[in-house]
Amino acid sequence: MRFFSANLENLRKLYIDQLRRLHSAETQITETLPKMIVGSTEPELKRTLEAHLAEASEHLTRLEQILKEDTGKARSKKNKGISALMAEGQVVIIEATDDSVRDAGIILTAQRVVHYQIAAYGTVRNFAEILGNMEHADLLDKILEEEKHADSVLTEISDSANTQADRAA
């Protein structure tokens, strides 16, 4: 697909806007994941969330690198979508009356967030490619693959966690 220079500039603005929103999302995730870790009881879920917290910190570093190279500074723009997903997840966690049900709710929340991130990172990676910035596309692709892996691991954990939650209900 061929873009005219005016369209490329508009796409670049959208790309930067979405990078800033992803920066906000990763910041919110690094603030909320510790609560989810404390609230979980399933050991594999705790380990997975701890690993994802470390990855989220790396994602922030990569996003800051991209934003500094493109705009000169790493500035966030409030990501309301992640805020809503996290707030909804907190309600699920608080309202759970059983540990296994809480774990299932934490997995639900984490996968909603990860699915959001998979969509967003896939799109901004494509924007980077169209804009001709392959170095940034590669960094974004690395984040995308880490998010896909987190989703896969969460799906595996959910098989046993959901069965345990069903027994508790």
Protein backbone atom coordinates (compact mmCIF):
# COMPACT_ATOMS: atom_id res chain seq x y z
CA MET A 1 0.00 0.00 0.00
CA ARG A 2 1.39 3.38 -1.00
CA PHE A 3 1.03 6.39 1.26
CA PHE A 4 1.34 10.03 0.33
CA SER A 5 3.58 12.20 2.49
CA ALA A 6 0.62 13.93 4.20
CA ASN A 7 -0.82 10.52 5.08
CA LEU A 8 2.54 9.39 6.41
CA GLU A 9 2.70 12.41 8.71
CA ASN A 10 -0.79 11.67 9.99
CA LEU A 11 0.15 8.02 10.49
CA ARG A 12 3.30 9.12 12.32
CA LYS A 13 1.18 11.25 14.69
CA LEU A 14 -1.13 8.30 15.33
CA TYR A 15 1.90 6.05 15.86
CA ILE A 16 3.40 8.41 18.47
CA ASP A 17 0.02 8.81 20.17
CA GLN A 18 -0.38 5.05 20.46
CA LEU A 19 3.18 4.60 21.73
CA ARG A 20 2.42 7.15 24.47
CA ARG A 21 -0.77 5.28 25.38
CA LEU A 22 1.16 2.00 25.48
CA HIS A 23 3.69 3.66 27.77
CA SER A 24 0.82 4.61 30.06
CA ALA A 25 -0.56 1.06 29.85
CA GLU A 26 2.77 -0.50 30.83
CA THR A 27 3.12 1.99 33.70
CA GLN A 28 -0.35 1.08 34.98
CA ILE A 29 0.43 -2.62 34.61
CA THR A 30 3.64 -2.30 36.65
CA GLU A 31 1.63 -0.55 39.37
CA THR A 32 -1.22 -3.10 39.43
CA LEU A 33 0.54 -6.44 38.90
CA PRO A 34 2.03 -6.50 42.43
CA LYS A 35 -1.53 -6.44 43.85
CA MET A 36 -2.51 -9.30 41.58
CA ILE A 37 0.58 -11.25 42.65
CA VAL A 38 -0.29 -10.79 46.33
CA GLY A 39 -3.91 -11.77 45.66
CA SER A 40 -3.08 -14.98 43.81
CA THR A 41 -2.61 -18.30 45.58
CA GLU A 42 -1.67 -20.61 42.69
CA PRO A 43 2.18 -20.83 42.67
CA GLU A 44 2.51 -21.04 38.88
CA LEU A 45 0.21 -18.02 38.49
CA LYS A 46 2.35 -16.04 40.96
CA ARG A 47 5.52 -16.94 39.03
CA THR A 48 3.92 -16.02 35.71
CA LEU A 49 2.70 -12.66 37.01
CA GLU A 50 6.12 -11.93 38.52
CA ALA A 51 7.78 -12.72 35.18
CA HIS A 52 5.27 -10.51 33.38
CA LEU A 53 5.98 -7.67 35.82
CA ALA A 54 9.67 -7.89 34.93
CA GLU A 55 8.78 -7.93 31.23
CA ALA A 56 6.49 -4.91 31.64
CA SER A 57 9.44 -2.98 33.09
CA GLU A 58 11.50 -3.95 30.04
CA HIS A 59 8.63 -2.92 27.78
CA LEU A 60 8.63 0.50 29.41
CA THR A 61 12.36 0.83 28.76
CA ARG A 62 11.91 -0.11 25.08
CA LEU A 63 8.99 2.28 24.66
CA GLU A 64 10.99 5.08 26.27
CA GLN A 65 13.85 4.39 23.86
CA ILE A 66 11.51 4.55 20.86
CA LEU A 67 9.75 7.70 22.07
CA LYS A 68 13.03 9.48 22.87
CA GLU A 69 14.39 8.65 19.43
CA ASP A 70 11.20 9.79 17.69
CA THR A 71 10.19 12.79 19.80
CA GLY A 72 13.10 13.60 22.07
CA LYS A 73 11.23 12.62 25.25
CA ALA A 74 9.28 9.71 26.66
CA ARG A 75 5.88 11.09 27.58
CA SER A 76 2.80 9.04 28.46
CA LYS A 77 -0.76 9.73 27.42
CA LYS A 78 -3.41 8.27 29.72
CA ASN A 79 -4.56 4.86 28.52
CA LYS A 80 -8.21 4.72 29.58
CA GLY A 81 -8.74 1.25 28.14
CA ILE A 82 -6.18 -0.36 30.43
CA SER A 83 -7.48 1.70 33.35
CA ALA A 84 -10.95 0.27 32.79
CA LEU A 85 -9.69 -3.30 32.42
CA MET A 86 -7.62 -3.00 35.59
CA ALA A 87 -10.47 -1.44 37.57
CA GLU A 88 -12.84 -4.17 36.46
CA GLY A 89 -10.23 -6.76 37.39
CA GLN A 90 -9.87 -5.30 40.87
CA VAL A 91 -13.61 -5.71 41.41
CA VAL A 92 -13.43 -9.36 40.33
CA ILE A 93 -10.54 -9.96 42.73
CA ILE A 94 -12.19 -8.17 45.66
CA GLU A 95 -15.54 -9.90 45.19
CA ALA A 96 -14.09 -13.43 44.95
CA THR A 97 -15.09 -15.43 48.01
CA ASP A 98 -12.73 -18.32 47.33
CA ASP A 99 -8.99 -18.41 46.56
CA SER A 100 -9.40 -20.54 43.44
CA VAL A 101 -12.17 -18.27 42.14
CA ARG A 102 -9.92 -15.25 42.81
CA ASP A 103 -7.11 -16.95 40.86
CA ALA A 104 -9.50 -17.55 37.95
CA GLY A 105 -10.50 -13.86 38.09
CA ILE A 106 -6.86 -12.77 38.12
CA ILE A 107 -6.19 -14.92 35.06
CA LEU A 108 -9.26 -13.44 33.37
CA THR A 109 -8.05 -9.92 34.07
CA ALA A 110 -4.48 -10.65 33.01
CA GLN A 111 -5.59 -12.22 29.75
CA ARG A 112 -7.89 -9.30 28.94
CA VAL A 113 -4.96 -6.95 29.40
CA VAL A 114 -2.59 -9.15 27.40
CA HIS A 115 -5.09 -9.46 24.53
CA TYR A 116 -5.40 -5.66 24.46
CA GLN A 117 -1.63 -5.40 24.33
CA ILE A 118 -1.30 -8.00 21.58
CA ALA A 119 -3.68 -5.99 19.40
CA ALA A 120 -2.00 -2.66 20.19
CA TYR A 121 1.60 -3.82 19.79
CA GLY A 122 0.80 -5.65 16.56
CA THR A 123 -0.69 -2.48 15.13
CA VAL A 124 2.08 -0.09 16.19
CA ARG A 125 4.69 -2.54 14.92
CA ASN A 126 2.98 -2.40 11.52
CA PHE A 127 2.93 1.40 11.71
CA ALA A 128 6.68 1.40 12.39
CA GLU A 129 7.24 -0.80 9.35
CA ILE A 130 5.14 1.46 7.11
CA LEU A 131 7.01 4.49 8.43
CA GLY A 132 10.27 2.74 7.55
CA ASN A 133 11.63 2.38 11.07
CA MET A 134 12.66 -1.26 11.13
CA GLU A 135 14.68 -0.91 14.36
CA HIS A 136 11.58 0.21 16.22
CA ALA A 137 9.46 -2.42 14.45
CA ASP A 138 11.88 -5.07 15.73
CA LEU A 139 11.68 -3.76 19.31
CA LEU A 140 7.88 -3.69 19.13
CA ASP A 141 7.81 -7.18 17.62
CA LYS A 142 9.87 -8.46 20.55
CA ILE A 143 7.30 -7.01 22.97
CA LEU A 144 4.48 -8.50 20.89
CA GLU A 145 6.06 -11.97 21.06
CA GLU A 146 6.49 -11.66 24.84
CA GLU A 147 2.81 -10.74 25.20
CA LYS A 148 1.79 -13.73 23.07
CA HIS A 149 3.93 -15.99 25.25
CA ALA A 150 2.34 -14.59 28.42
CA ASP A 151 -1.10 -15.30 26.96
CA SER A 152 -0.09 -18.87 26.16
CA VAL A 153 1.21 -19.48 29.68
CA LEU A 154 -1.90 -17.92 31.25
CA THR A 155 -4.08 -20.18 29.09
CA GLU A 156 -2.20 -23.25 30.35
CA ILE A 157 -2.59 -22.14 33.97
CA SER A 158 -6.28 -21.40 33.44
CA ASP A 159 -6.99 -25.03 32.57
CA SER A 160 -6.30 -26.14 36.14
CA ALA A 161 -7.31 -22.90 37.86
CA ASN A 162 -10.73 -22.85 36.22
CA THR A 163 -11.34 -26.47 37.18
CA GLN A 164 -10.49 -25.68 40.79
CA ALA A 165 -12.76 -22.61 40.71
CA ASP A 166 -15.58 -24.76 39.37
CA ARG A 167 -15.21 -27.12 42.35
CA ALA A 168 -15.34 -24.15 44.75
CA ALA A 169 -18.52 -22.68 43.29
